[in-house]
Amino acid sequence: MSRQLSEINSKLSNVLMKDDSCLENMIEKIVGQMKSSLLHRIELLESKLFDRESENENLKKKIDKLHTELKAEKVMNRETLIKEKYENKEALNELEQYTRINNVDFHGLQDMDKTETPENTMKLVADVVKGTRVSN
């Protein structure tokens, strides 16, 4: 390109008249080369743009698919969690029922001291069972 510009410069210095066809031909040649170079660059950019748009569309589809899968997983996890929660409640209820099977209820003992410790309560029950204390 710089060689061509130097050619133009030398030709311009030699030009004495406006009608020099050599200068006109050289300018047309340079403009034609620049035009074809620019057209080639435009085609490359259009090709890259098309590729990017295609890739963008594919990524949008992939994102939509992943969002759909995520929603389905959330629903499935929520349903599983509800089911497990129900099963845990049932298991806890059964466990509580079976642990009470060995408990003994004493009726007729008055709860006189609200701050009574478990040890005091056990002594009171033992006294009633031994018969050393009479309940009211």
N, C-alpha and C. Protein backbone atom coordinates (compact mmCIF):
# COMPACT_ATOMS: atom_id res chain seq x y z
N MET A 1 0.83 -1.19 0.00
CA MET A 1 0.00 0.00 0.00
C MET A 1 0.88 1.26 0.00
N SER A 2 1.93 1.27 0.82
CA SER A 2 2.81 2.44 0.85
C SER A 2 3.56 2.60 -0.47
N ARG A 3 3.87 1.47 -1.12
CA ARG A 3 4.53 1.53 -2.43
C ARG A 3 3.62 2.22 -3.43
N GLN A 4 2.33 1.87 -3.35
CA GLN A 4 1.37 2.47 -4.28
C GLN A 4 1.22 3.96 -4.02
N LEU A 5 1.23 4.33 -2.76
CA LEU A 5 1.12 5.75 -2.43
C LEU A 5 2.34 6.52 -2.93
N SER A 6 3.51 5.90 -2.82
CA SER A 6 4.71 6.58 -3.35
C SER A 6 4.65 6.70 -4.87
N GLU A 7 4.05 5.68 -5.51
CA GLU A 7 3.86 5.76 -6.97
C GLU A 7 2.95 6.92 -7.32
N ILE A 8 1.88 7.04 -6.55
CA ILE A 8 0.93 8.14 -6.79
C ILE A 8 1.65 9.47 -6.61
N ASN A 9 2.43 9.55 -5.58
CA ASN A 9 3.15 10.80 -5.30
C ASN A 9 4.10 11.15 -6.44
N SER A 10 4.81 10.15 -6.95
CA SER A 10 5.73 10.42 -8.06
C SER A 10 4.98 10.80 -9.33
N LYS A 11 3.85 10.14 -9.56
CA LYS A 11 3.05 10.44 -10.75
C LYS A 11 2.47 11.86 -10.64
N LEU A 12 2.02 12.23 -9.43
CA LEU A 12 1.46 13.56 -9.25
C LEU A 12 2.50 14.65 -9.49
N SER A 13 3.69 14.36 -9.08
CA SER A 13 4.74 15.36 -9.32
C SER A 13 5.05 15.50 -10.80
N ASN A 14 4.83 14.43 -11.56
CA ASN A 14 5.07 14.47 -13.01
C ASN A 14 3.88 15.01 -13.79
N VAL A 15 2.75 15.11 -13.17
CA VAL A 15 1.55 15.54 -13.88
C VAL A 15 1.59 17.06 -14.09
N LEU A 16 1.39 17.44 -15.29
CA LEU A 16 1.33 18.86 -15.62
C LEU A 16 -0.07 19.24 -16.05
N MET A 17 -0.84 18.25 -16.47
CA MET A 17 -2.16 18.52 -16.98
C MET A 17 -3.20 17.72 -16.20
N LYS A 18 -4.41 18.17 -16.25
CA LYS A 18 -5.50 17.50 -15.57
C LYS A 18 -5.91 16.22 -16.28
N ASP A 19 -5.68 16.09 -17.49
CA ASP A 19 -6.18 14.97 -18.28
C ASP A 19 -5.20 13.81 -18.35
N ASP A 20 -4.36 13.68 -17.42
CA ASP A 20 -3.40 12.58 -17.43
C ASP A 20 -4.14 11.29 -17.10
N SER A 21 -4.28 10.40 -18.05
CA SER A 21 -5.04 9.17 -17.87
C SER A 21 -4.28 8.15 -17.02
N CYS A 22 -3.01 8.26 -16.98
CA CYS A 22 -2.20 7.33 -16.18
C CYS A 22 -2.55 7.49 -14.70
N LEU A 23 -2.69 8.71 -14.23
CA LEU A 23 -3.05 8.96 -12.84
C LEU A 23 -4.45 8.43 -12.54
N GLU A 24 -5.34 8.68 -13.47
CA GLU A 24 -6.72 8.21 -13.31
C GLU A 24 -6.79 6.70 -13.23
N ASN A 25 -6.04 6.02 -14.06
CA ASN A 25 -6.00 4.54 -14.05
C ASN A 25 -5.43 4.01 -12.74
N MET A 26 -4.39 4.68 -12.28
CA MET A 26 -3.78 4.24 -11.04
C MET A 26 -4.74 4.42 -9.86
N ILE A 27 -5.46 5.52 -9.82
CA ILE A 27 -6.43 5.77 -8.74
C ILE A 27 -7.55 4.74 -8.80
N GLU A 28 -8.04 4.44 -9.99
CA GLU A 28 -9.09 3.42 -10.15
C GLU A 28 -8.60 2.06 -9.68
N LYS A 29 -7.35 1.76 -10.01
CA LYS A 29 -6.77 0.47 -9.62
C LYS A 29 -6.68 0.38 -8.09
N ILE A 30 -6.20 1.42 -7.44
CA ILE A 30 -6.05 1.43 -5.99
C ILE A 30 -7.42 1.36 -5.32
N VAL A 31 -8.38 2.14 -5.80
CA VAL A 31 -9.72 2.12 -5.24
C VAL A 31 -10.35 0.73 -5.41
N GLY A 32 -10.13 0.10 -6.54
CA GLY A 32 -10.65 -1.25 -6.78
C GLY A 32 -10.05 -2.25 -5.81
N GLN A 33 -8.74 -2.14 -5.58
CA GLN A 33 -8.09 -3.05 -4.63
C GLN A 33 -8.63 -2.84 -3.21
N MET A 34 -8.78 -1.59 -2.84
CA MET A 34 -9.30 -1.29 -1.50
C MET A 34 -10.73 -1.80 -1.36
N LYS A 35 -11.50 -1.63 -2.43
CA LYS A 35 -12.89 -2.08 -2.42
C LYS A 35 -12.96 -3.59 -2.23
N SER A 36 -12.16 -4.33 -3.00
CA SER A 36 -12.21 -5.80 -2.88
C SER A 36 -11.70 -6.25 -1.51
N SER A 37 -10.70 -5.55 -0.97
CA SER A 37 -10.19 -5.88 0.37
C SER A 37 -11.27 -5.64 1.42
N LEU A 38 -11.97 -4.52 1.31
CA LEU A 38 -13.04 -4.21 2.26
C LEU A 38 -14.20 -5.19 2.13
N LEU A 39 -14.55 -5.56 0.91
CA LEU A 39 -15.63 -6.54 0.71
C LEU A 39 -15.27 -7.89 1.33
N HIS A 40 -14.01 -8.27 1.18
CA HIS A 40 -13.56 -9.53 1.77
C HIS A 40 -13.66 -9.47 3.30
N ARG A 41 -13.24 -8.36 3.89
CA ARG A 41 -13.33 -8.19 5.35
C ARG A 41 -14.79 -8.20 5.80
N ILE A 42 -15.65 -7.56 5.05
CA ILE A 42 -17.08 -7.54 5.39
C ILE A 42 -17.65 -8.95 5.36
N GLU A 43 -17.29 -9.73 4.35
CA GLU A 43 -17.77 -11.11 4.26
C GLU A 43 -17.29 -11.93 5.46
N LEU A 44 -16.02 -11.73 5.86
CA LEU A 44 -15.50 -12.45 7.03
C LEU A 44 -16.27 -12.06 8.29
N LEU A 45 -16.51 -10.77 8.46
CA LEU A 45 -17.25 -10.32 9.63
C LEU A 45 -18.68 -10.83 9.64
N GLU A 46 -19.34 -10.84 8.48
CA GLU A 46 -20.69 -11.37 8.39
C GLU A 46 -20.71 -12.86 8.73
N SER A 47 -19.70 -13.58 8.28
CA SER A 47 -19.60 -15.02 8.58
C SER A 47 -19.44 -15.23 10.09
N LYS A 48 -18.55 -14.45 10.69
CA LYS A 48 -18.35 -14.57 12.14
C LYS A 48 -19.62 -14.20 12.90
N LEU A 49 -20.31 -13.17 12.44
CA LEU A 49 -21.55 -12.75 13.08
C LEU A 49 -22.60 -13.85 13.00
N PHE A 50 -22.72 -14.47 11.83
CA PHE A 50 -23.67 -15.57 11.67
C PHE A 50 -23.33 -16.72 12.61
N ASP A 51 -22.03 -17.05 12.70
CA ASP A 51 -21.61 -18.12 13.60
C ASP A 51 -21.95 -17.79 15.06
N ARG A 52 -21.73 -16.55 15.45
CA ARG A 52 -22.02 -16.13 16.82
C ARG A 52 -23.53 -16.17 17.10
N GLU A 53 -24.31 -15.75 16.13
CA GLU A 53 -25.77 -15.79 16.31
C GLU A 53 -26.26 -17.22 16.43
N SER A 54 -25.70 -18.12 15.64
CA SER A 54 -26.07 -19.54 15.73
C SER A 54 -25.68 -20.10 17.10
N GLU A 55 -24.49 -19.78 17.53
CA GLU A 55 -24.02 -20.25 18.83
C GLU A 55 -24.89 -19.68 19.95
N ASN A 56 -25.26 -18.42 19.82
CA ASN A 56 -26.12 -17.77 20.80
C ASN A 56 -27.48 -18.47 20.88
N GLU A 57 -28.06 -18.79 19.76
CA GLU A 57 -29.34 -19.50 19.72
C GLU A 57 -29.22 -20.87 20.39
N ASN A 58 -28.14 -21.58 20.07
CA ASN A 58 -27.93 -22.90 20.68
C ASN A 58 -27.79 -22.79 22.20
N LEU A 59 -27.07 -21.77 22.65
CA LEU A 59 -26.91 -21.57 24.09
C LEU A 59 -28.24 -21.21 24.75
N LYS A 60 -29.05 -20.40 24.08
CA LYS A 60 -30.37 -20.06 24.63
C LYS A 60 -31.23 -21.32 24.77
N LYS A 61 -31.18 -22.19 23.77
CA LYS A 61 -31.95 -23.43 23.85
C LYS A 61 -31.45 -24.30 25.00
N LYS A 62 -30.14 -24.36 25.15
CA LYS A 62 -29.56 -25.17 26.22
C LYS A 62 -29.96 -24.61 27.59
N ILE A 63 -29.95 -23.29 27.73
CA ILE A 63 -30.35 -22.65 28.99
C ILE A 63 -31.81 -22.95 29.27
N ASP A 64 -32.67 -22.83 28.27
CA ASP A 64 -34.09 -23.13 28.46
C ASP A 64 -34.29 -24.57 28.90
N LYS A 65 -33.54 -25.48 28.28
CA LYS A 65 -33.65 -26.90 28.64
C LYS A 65 -33.20 -27.10 30.09
N LEU A 66 -32.11 -26.45 30.48
CA LEU A 66 -31.61 -26.59 31.85
C LEU A 66 -32.60 -26.00 32.86
N HIS A 67 -33.23 -24.87 32.50
CA HIS A 67 -34.25 -24.29 33.39
C HIS A 67 -35.42 -25.26 33.57
N THR A 68 -35.84 -25.89 32.49
CA THR A 68 -36.94 -26.85 32.57
C THR A 68 -36.54 -28.03 33.46
N GLU A 69 -35.33 -28.54 33.25
CA GLU A 69 -34.85 -29.66 34.07
C GLU A 69 -34.76 -29.25 35.54
N LEU A 70 -34.29 -28.03 35.80
CA LEU A 70 -34.17 -27.55 37.17
C LEU A 70 -35.54 -27.46 37.84
N LYS A 71 -36.53 -26.96 37.12
CA LYS A 71 -37.89 -26.88 37.68
C LYS A 71 -38.42 -28.26 38.00
N ALA A 72 -38.19 -29.21 37.10
CA ALA A 72 -38.65 -30.58 37.32
C ALA A 72 -37.95 -31.18 38.55
N GLU A 73 -36.67 -30.93 38.69
CA GLU A 73 -35.92 -31.44 39.84
C GLU A 73 -36.44 -30.82 41.14
N LYS A 74 -36.74 -29.52 41.10
CA LYS A 74 -37.27 -28.87 42.30
C LYS A 74 -38.60 -29.49 42.71
N VAL A 75 -39.46 -29.73 41.74
CA VAL A 75 -40.77 -30.34 42.05
C VAL A 75 -40.55 -31.74 42.63
N MET A 76 -39.68 -32.51 42.00
CA MET A 76 -39.43 -33.87 42.47
C MET A 76 -38.81 -33.85 43.87
N ASN A 77 -37.87 -32.92 44.12
CA ASN A 77 -37.27 -32.81 45.45
C ASN A 77 -38.30 -32.40 46.50
N ARG A 78 -39.18 -31.49 46.13
CA ARG A 78 -40.22 -31.04 47.07
C ARG A 78 -41.13 -32.21 47.42
N GLU A 79 -41.54 -32.99 46.41
CA GLU A 79 -42.41 -34.14 46.65
C GLU A 79 -41.70 -35.18 47.51
N THR A 80 -40.43 -35.42 47.24
CA THR A 80 -39.66 -36.38 48.03
C THR A 80 -39.53 -35.90 49.47
N LEU A 81 -39.28 -34.61 49.63
CA LEU A 81 -39.16 -34.05 50.97
C LEU A 81 -40.46 -34.18 51.76
N ILE A 82 -41.58 -33.92 51.12
CA ILE A 82 -42.88 -34.05 51.79
C ILE A 82 -43.12 -35.50 52.19
N LYS A 83 -42.80 -36.41 51.28
CA LYS A 83 -42.99 -37.84 51.56
C LYS A 83 -42.10 -38.28 52.72
N GLU A 84 -40.83 -37.87 52.71
CA GLU A 84 -39.93 -38.25 53.79
C GLU A 84 -40.36 -37.62 55.12
N LYS A 85 -40.85 -36.40 55.07
CA LYS A 85 -41.33 -35.74 56.29
C LYS A 85 -42.49 -36.52 56.89
N TYR A 86 -43.42 -36.95 56.04
CA TYR A 86 -44.56 -37.74 56.51
C TYR A 86 -44.07 -39.06 57.10
N GLU A 87 -43.15 -39.73 56.40
CA GLU A 87 -42.63 -41.01 56.89
C GLU A 87 -41.90 -40.83 58.22
N ASN A 88 -41.17 -39.73 58.36
CA ASN A 88 -40.46 -39.47 59.62
C ASN A 88 -41.44 -39.21 60.76
N LYS A 89 -42.53 -38.50 60.46
CA LYS A 89 -43.55 -38.27 61.50
C LYS A 89 -44.16 -39.59 61.94
N GLU A 90 -44.43 -40.45 60.98
CA GLU A 90 -45.00 -41.77 61.31
C GLU A 90 -44.02 -42.58 62.14
N ALA A 91 -42.76 -42.58 61.75
CA ALA A 91 -41.75 -43.34 62.48
C ALA A 91 -41.57 -42.79 63.89
N LEU A 92 -41.58 -41.46 64.02
CA LEU A 92 -41.45 -40.84 65.34
C LEU A 92 -42.64 -41.20 66.22
N ASN A 93 -43.84 -41.17 65.65
CA ASN A 93 -45.04 -41.53 66.41
C ASN A 93 -44.95 -42.97 66.90
N GLU A 94 -44.56 -43.88 66.02
CA GLU A 94 -44.42 -45.29 66.41
C GLU A 94 -43.37 -45.44 67.49
N LEU A 95 -42.27 -44.73 67.35
CA LEU A 95 -41.20 -44.81 68.34
C LEU A 95 -41.68 -44.31 69.69
N GLU A 96 -42.41 -43.21 69.69
CA GLU A 96 -42.94 -42.69 70.95
C GLU A 96 -43.92 -43.68 71.56
N GLN A 97 -44.75 -44.30 70.75
CA GLN A 97 -45.73 -45.26 71.28
C GLN A 97 -45.03 -46.47 71.89
N TYR A 98 -44.01 -47.00 71.21
CA TYR A 98 -43.34 -48.19 71.70
C TYR A 98 -42.46 -47.90 72.91
N THR A 99 -41.98 -46.68 73.06
CA THR A 99 -41.17 -46.37 74.24
C THR A 99 -42.05 -46.18 75.46
N ARG A 100 -43.31 -45.89 75.27
CA ARG A 100 -44.23 -45.74 76.40
C ARG A 100 -44.74 -47.08 76.91
N ILE A 101 -44.49 -48.13 76.19
CA ILE A 101 -45.04 -49.44 76.55
C ILE A 101 -44.52 -49.90 77.92
N ASN A 102 -43.31 -49.48 78.31
CA ASN A 102 -42.73 -49.90 79.59
C ASN A 102 -42.97 -48.87 80.69
N ASN A 103 -43.68 -47.81 80.40
CA ASN A 103 -43.95 -46.78 81.41
C ASN A 103 -45.08 -47.23 82.33
N VAL A 104 -45.03 -46.72 83.54
CA VAL A 104 -46.07 -47.01 84.53
C VAL A 104 -46.67 -45.69 84.94
N ASP A 105 -47.99 -45.61 84.94
CA ASP A 105 -48.70 -44.41 85.37
C ASP A 105 -49.15 -44.59 86.81
N PHE A 106 -48.87 -43.62 87.64
CA PHE A 106 -49.34 -43.61 89.01
C PHE A 106 -50.41 -42.54 89.12
N HIS A 107 -51.56 -42.95 89.58
CA HIS A 107 -52.67 -42.01 89.78
C HIS A 107 -52.89 -41.83 91.27
N GLY A 108 -53.29 -40.65 91.65
CA GLY A 108 -53.62 -40.39 93.04
C GLY A 108 -52.51 -39.71 93.81
N LEU A 109 -51.37 -39.54 93.23
CA LEU A 109 -50.29 -38.81 93.92
C LEU A 109 -50.47 -37.34 93.64
N GLN A 110 -50.46 -36.59 94.70
CA GLN A 110 -50.62 -35.14 94.51
C GLN A 110 -49.26 -34.52 94.22
N ASP A 111 -49.30 -33.60 93.32
CA ASP A 111 -48.08 -32.88 92.95
C ASP A 111 -48.01 -31.65 93.84
N MET A 112 -47.36 -31.79 94.98
CA MET A 112 -47.35 -30.72 95.97
C MET A 112 -46.28 -29.67 95.67
N ASP A 113 -45.15 -30.11 95.20
CA ASP A 113 -44.03 -29.18 94.96
C ASP A 113 -43.75 -29.12 93.46
N LYS A 114 -44.00 -27.96 92.87
CA LYS A 114 -43.82 -27.82 91.41
C LYS A 114 -42.34 -27.83 91.02
N THR A 115 -41.45 -27.58 91.96
CA THR A 115 -40.01 -27.57 91.66
C THR A 115 -39.35 -28.89 92.04
N GLU A 116 -40.15 -29.90 92.21
CA GLU A 116 -39.66 -31.21 92.64
C GLU A 116 -38.71 -31.79 91.60
N THR A 117 -37.61 -32.38 92.06
CA THR A 117 -36.63 -32.99 91.16
C THR A 117 -37.07 -34.41 90.84
N PRO A 118 -36.53 -34.99 89.77
CA PRO A 118 -36.87 -36.38 89.44
C PRO A 118 -36.49 -37.35 90.56
N GLU A 119 -35.42 -37.07 91.28
CA GLU A 119 -35.01 -37.95 92.39
C GLU A 119 -36.06 -37.93 93.50
N ASN A 120 -36.58 -36.76 93.82
CA ASN A 120 -37.62 -36.66 94.85
C ASN A 120 -38.87 -37.40 94.41
N THR A 121 -39.23 -37.27 93.13
CA THR A 121 -40.41 -37.96 92.61
C THR A 121 -40.23 -39.47 92.71
N MET A 122 -39.04 -39.97 92.35
CA MET A 122 -38.78 -41.41 92.43
C MET A 122 -38.87 -41.90 93.88
N LYS A 123 -38.38 -41.11 94.83
CA LYS A 123 -38.46 -41.49 96.25
C LYS A 123 -39.92 -41.55 96.70
N LEU A 124 -40.72 -40.56 96.27
CA LEU A 124 -42.14 -40.52 96.62
C LEU A 124 -42.86 -41.75 96.08
N VAL A 125 -42.59 -42.09 94.83
CA VAL A 125 -43.23 -43.27 94.22
C VAL A 125 -42.77 -44.53 94.93
N ALA A 126 -41.50 -44.63 95.27
CA ALA A 126 -40.99 -45.80 95.96
C ALA A 126 -41.66 -45.95 97.33
N ASP A 127 -41.87 -44.85 98.01
CA ASP A 127 -42.54 -44.90 99.32
C ASP A 127 -43.97 -45.41 99.18
N VAL A 128 -44.68 -44.94 98.14
CA VAL A 128 -46.06 -45.37 97.92
C VAL A 128 -46.09 -46.86 97.61
N VAL A 129 -45.16 -47.32 96.76
CA VAL A 129 -45.13 -48.73 96.39
C VAL A 129 -44.80 -49.60 97.60
N LYS A 130 -43.89 -49.15 98.45
CA LYS A 130 -43.52 -49.92 99.65
C LYS A 130 -44.62 -49.88 100.70
N GLY A 131 -45.50 -48.91 100.54
CA GLY A 131 -46.60 -48.79 101.48
C GLY A 131 -46.29 -47.93 102.67
N THR A 132 -45.18 -47.26 102.67
CA THR A 132 -44.82 -46.43 103.82
C THR A 132 -45.50 -45.08 103.76
N ARG A 133 -46.07 -44.78 102.65
CA ARG A 133 -46.78 -43.52 102.54
C ARG A 133 -48.14 -43.79 101.92
N VAL A 134 -49.11 -43.15 102.41
CA VAL A 134 -50.47 -43.32 101.92
C VAL A 134 -50.80 -42.12 101.06
N SER A 135 -51.35 -42.39 99.88
CA SER A 135 -51.73 -41.28 98.99
C SER A 135 -53.08 -40.72 99.38
N ASN A 136 -53.33 -39.49 99.03
CA ASN A 136 -54.60 -38.84 99.36
C ASN A 136 -55.64 -39.11 98.35
